[in-house]
Amino acid sequence: MTIAVIDYGMGNLHSVAKALEHVTHENVVITDDSRSIRGASRLVLPGQGAIRDCMGELQRNDLQGLVQEILRAQAKPLLGICVGQQMLMEESEENGGVACLGHLPGRVRHFGRDLHDAQNQRLKVPHMGWNRVTQHHTHPLWAGIDDDARFYFVHSYYVEAQQDSDIFGTTEYGGHTAHVATGRGPVFAVQFHPEKSARDGLRLLENFVTWTP
């Protein structure tokens, strides 16, 4: 079995690969080669930075069509991470509006500029640090992970999925309910960084490499 981390020039490629190597003896490769991506048994779609740049690099490297083809086929597990989760939606408000891959119905929205917590303390954007994730629906990737476990985030934009059945985890921040774990069929995606989320993050990655949708 080969796990391919899709290299389109954006994202924590090496950190994700190292974390995967920590939880599995399977072959982990970072690749932009279409044949290697098609031949892999599992895929990871990372992302970091502005979504306009991520989508632009995916197109520039001739990988957008391939990723959309794989998503439509639903033939193998795929894990989206950070902006990789946002890219699976229809569109994002970032950069004046960006069309995304359109795999799941919904939008990516900005948290806003004047956020406060329940004690009226001002909250920063980007949302950076540890936050609790409520498991909205059960999923094999939550196995061994407590509800309301803490994961590590760095984001100014959040997913708002249209269909409840696509939502697997949520986080509350500044009065917004962010859909931070979403998916359908063999696709699962998270806004947080499992590779930076200690034991629970590694457990989620371990669940991914043993998952049979």
Protein backbone atom coordinates (compact mmCIF):
# COMPACT_ATOMS: atom_id res chain seq x y z
CA MET A 1 0.00 0.00 0.00
CA THR A 2 1.19 3.51 -0.84
CA ILE A 3 -0.09 6.71 0.76
CA ALA A 4 0.48 9.69 -1.54
CA VAL A 5 0.68 13.22 -0.15
CA ILE A 6 -0.30 15.36 -3.14
CA ASP A 7 2.43 17.91 -3.85
CA TYR A 8 1.10 20.94 -5.69
CA GLY A 9 3.51 23.34 -4.00
CA MET A 10 1.42 24.26 -0.94
CA GLY A 11 0.94 22.83 2.54
CA ASN A 12 2.86 21.12 5.33
CA LEU A 13 3.96 18.30 3.06
CA HIS A 14 6.94 17.00 5.02
CA SER A 15 5.31 17.39 8.45
CA VAL A 16 2.27 15.44 7.26
CA ALA A 17 4.43 12.75 5.66
CA LYS A 18 6.56 12.37 8.80
CA ALA A 19 3.46 12.05 10.97
CA LEU A 20 2.05 9.38 8.64
CA GLU A 21 5.35 7.49 8.71
CA HIS A 22 5.15 7.57 12.51
CA VAL A 23 1.82 5.71 12.56
CA THR A 24 2.28 3.22 9.70
CA HIS A 25 4.85 0.96 8.08
CA GLU A 26 3.24 1.54 4.70
CA ASN A 27 5.04 3.49 1.98
CA VAL A 28 4.45 7.27 2.23
CA VAL A 29 5.42 9.44 -0.74
CA ILE A 30 5.20 13.15 -1.50
CA THR A 31 4.46 13.41 -5.21
CA ASP A 32 3.10 15.55 -8.01
CA ASP A 33 3.24 12.68 -10.50
CA SER A 34 -0.20 11.84 -11.85
CA ARG A 35 0.65 8.15 -12.34
CA SER A 36 1.83 7.83 -8.73
CA ILE A 37 -1.25 9.65 -7.45
CA ARG A 38 -3.58 7.42 -9.47
CA GLY A 39 -1.73 4.31 -8.33
CA ALA A 40 -1.72 5.16 -4.61
CA SER A 41 -4.14 3.35 -2.35
CA ARG A 42 -4.75 6.43 -0.16
CA LEU A 43 -4.35 10.16 -0.76
CA VAL A 44 -3.74 13.19 1.43
CA LEU A 45 -4.65 16.66 0.15
CA PRO A 46 -2.88 19.26 2.32
CA GLY A 47 -3.16 23.02 2.11
CA GLN A 48 -1.77 26.13 3.73
CA GLY A 49 -2.01 29.86 3.04
CA ALA A 50 -4.52 31.65 0.84
CA ILE A 51 -7.03 29.49 -0.99
CA ARG A 52 -6.57 31.48 -4.21
CA ASP A 53 -2.91 30.43 -4.21
CA CYS A 54 -3.74 26.81 -3.38
CA MET A 55 -6.30 26.51 -6.17
CA GLY A 56 -4.00 28.37 -8.54
CA GLU A 57 -1.07 26.04 -7.85
CA LEU A 58 -3.31 22.99 -8.19
CA GLN A 59 -4.31 24.22 -11.65
CA ARG A 60 -0.78 25.30 -12.61
CA ASN A 61 0.55 21.85 -11.79
CA ASP A 62 -2.20 20.17 -13.88
CA LEU A 63 -3.59 18.42 -10.81
CA GLN A 64 -7.04 19.96 -10.37
CA GLY A 65 -8.71 17.77 -12.98
CA LEU A 66 -7.01 14.66 -11.59
CA VAL A 67 -8.12 15.40 -8.03
CA GLN A 68 -11.69 16.06 -9.18
CA GLU A 69 -11.64 12.81 -11.18
CA ILE A 70 -10.53 10.88 -8.09
CA LEU A 71 -13.17 12.56 -5.93
CA ARG A 72 -15.92 11.67 -8.42
CA ALA A 73 -14.77 8.06 -8.67
CA GLN A 74 -14.90 7.60 -4.86
CA ALA A 75 -12.53 4.66 -5.31
CA LYS A 76 -10.00 5.36 -2.55
CA PRO A 77 -9.76 7.13 0.83
CA LEU A 78 -8.71 10.77 0.72
CA LEU A 79 -7.89 12.97 3.70
CA GLY A 80 -8.02 16.77 3.33
CA ILE A 81 -6.07 18.86 5.84
CA CYS A 82 -6.46 22.59 6.66
CA VAL A 83 -7.01 24.47 3.37
CA GLY A 84 -7.28 20.99 1.86
CA GLN A 85 -10.63 20.79 3.66
CA GLN A 86 -11.74 24.20 2.35
CA MET A 87 -10.78 23.26 -1.21
CA LEU A 88 -13.36 20.47 -1.22
CA MET A 89 -16.22 22.95 -0.91
CA GLU A 90 -17.98 24.83 -3.72
CA GLU A 91 -16.53 28.28 -3.10
CA SER A 92 -14.68 30.47 -0.61
CA GLU A 93 -15.20 34.10 0.40
CA GLU A 94 -11.43 34.57 0.59
CA ASN A 95 -9.63 36.76 -1.96
CA GLY A 96 -12.92 38.26 -3.16
CA GLY A 97 -14.43 34.87 -3.96
CA VAL A 98 -12.71 31.73 -5.23
CA ALA A 99 -14.28 28.70 -6.90
CA CYS A 100 -13.16 25.48 -5.23
CA LEU A 101 -13.32 21.79 -6.18
CA GLY A 102 -17.06 21.51 -5.56
CA HIS A 103 -17.02 18.03 -4.02
CA LEU A 104 -19.22 19.00 -1.06
CA PRO A 105 -22.01 21.60 -1.08
CA GLY A 106 -21.22 24.61 1.06
CA ARG A 107 -19.06 27.70 1.42
CA VAL A 108 -15.94 28.86 3.20
CA ARG A 109 -16.58 31.97 5.30
CA HIS A 110 -14.46 34.52 7.15
CA PHE A 111 -14.68 34.67 10.94
CA GLY A 112 -14.92 38.48 10.89
CA ARG A 113 -12.93 41.17 12.64
CA ASP A 114 -14.69 41.82 15.95
CA LEU A 115 -14.99 38.50 17.73
CA HIS A 116 -15.52 37.95 21.46
CA ASP A 117 -15.88 34.88 23.64
CA ALA A 118 -18.63 34.17 26.20
CA GLN A 119 -16.78 36.35 28.75
CA ASN A 120 -16.62 39.19 26.21
CA GLN A 121 -12.88 38.78 25.80
CA ARG A 122 -11.65 39.75 22.36
CA LEU A 123 -10.64 36.84 20.14
CA LYS A 124 -7.91 36.97 17.55
CA VAL A 125 -8.22 36.15 13.88
CA PRO A 126 -6.59 34.02 12.64
CA HIS A 127 -7.87 31.48 15.12
CA MET A 128 -4.55 30.01 16.19
CA GLY A 129 -4.02 27.38 18.87
CA TRP A 130 -5.81 24.48 20.52
CA ASN A 131 -9.58 24.17 20.51
CA ARG A 132 -12.11 21.46 21.32
CA VAL A 133 -13.77 19.53 18.52
CA THR A 134 -17.26 18.17 19.12
CA GLN A 135 -17.98 14.99 17.20
CA HIS A 136 -21.18 15.88 15.35
CA HIS A 137 -21.62 12.39 13.86
CA THR A 138 -19.76 9.17 14.53
CA HIS A 139 -17.06 8.20 12.05
CA PRO A 140 -14.33 5.53 11.90
CA LEU A 141 -11.67 8.26 12.02
CA TRP A 142 -12.90 9.26 15.50
CA ALA A 143 -12.14 5.78 16.88
CA GLY A 144 -10.18 6.05 20.13
CA ILE A 145 -10.57 9.84 20.25
CA ASP A 146 -12.71 11.39 23.00
CA ASP A 147 -15.53 13.74 22.10
CA ASP A 148 -14.41 17.35 22.68
CA ALA A 149 -10.74 16.40 22.29
CA ARG A 150 -8.44 19.31 21.55
CA PHE A 151 -6.76 19.83 18.18
CA TYR A 152 -4.43 22.50 16.81
CA PHE A 153 -5.79 25.17 14.44
CA VAL A 154 -4.43 28.00 12.30
CA HIS A 155 -7.19 29.60 10.19
CA SER A 156 -9.11 32.80 9.46
CA TYR A 157 -11.77 31.10 7.34
CA TYR A 158 -14.04 28.19 8.19
CA VAL A 159 -16.22 25.68 6.36
CA GLU A 160 -20.00 26.01 6.44
CA ALA A 161 -21.35 22.79 4.92
CA GLN A 162 -24.92 22.68 3.61
CA GLN A 163 -25.79 19.08 4.44
CA ASP A 164 -25.84 17.88 8.03
CA SER A 165 -24.79 14.38 6.96
CA ASP A 166 -21.47 15.81 5.67
CA ILE A 167 -20.56 17.32 9.07
CA PHE A 168 -18.53 15.16 11.45
CA GLY A 169 -16.93 17.70 13.78
CA THR A 170 -17.55 21.27 14.92
CA THR A 171 -15.73 23.99 16.85
CA GLU A 172 -17.21 27.12 18.40
CA TYR A 173 -15.23 30.32 17.91
CA GLY A 174 -16.46 33.86 18.36
CA GLY A 175 -20.11 32.90 18.02
CA HIS A 176 -19.52 30.89 14.85
CA THR A 177 -19.98 27.14 14.55
CA ALA A 178 -17.19 26.02 12.27
CA HIS A 179 -17.60 22.67 10.53
CA VAL A 180 -14.03 21.53 11.12
CA ALA A 181 -14.47 17.88 10.09
CA THR A 182 -16.46 17.08 6.97
CA GLY A 183 -16.72 14.26 4.50
CA ARG A 184 -18.72 11.86 2.41
CA GLY A 185 -17.99 8.29 1.36
CA PRO A 186 -14.23 7.69 1.23
CA VAL A 187 -13.43 11.40 1.72
CA PHE A 188 -12.77 12.92 5.16
CA ALA A 189 -11.34 16.37 5.76
CA VAL A 190 -10.34 18.44 8.77
CA GLN A 191 -9.57 22.13 9.28
CA PHE A 192 -7.17 21.42 12.14
CA HIS A 193 -3.65 20.03 11.76
CA PRO A 194 -3.57 16.40 12.93
CA GLU A 195 0.20 16.34 12.38
CA LYS A 196 0.51 19.07 15.06
CA SER A 197 -2.19 17.76 17.40
CA ALA A 198 -0.20 15.34 19.58
CA ARG A 199 -1.73 11.96 20.52
CA ASP A 200 -5.24 12.55 19.16
CA GLY A 201 -3.93 13.92 15.88
CA LEU A 202 -1.71 10.89 15.40
CA ARG A 203 -4.61 8.61 16.28
CA LEU A 204 -6.75 10.23 13.58
CA LEU A 205 -3.96 9.66 11.04
CA GLU A 206 -3.60 6.07 12.22
CA ASN A 207 -7.35 5.58 11.78
CA PHE A 208 -7.08 7.00 8.27
CA VAL A 209 -4.40 4.56 7.15
CA THR A 210 -6.45 1.58 8.38
CA TRP A 211 -9.85 2.90 7.27
CA THR A 212 -11.88 0.81 4.84
CA PRO A 213 -14.83 2.97 3.69
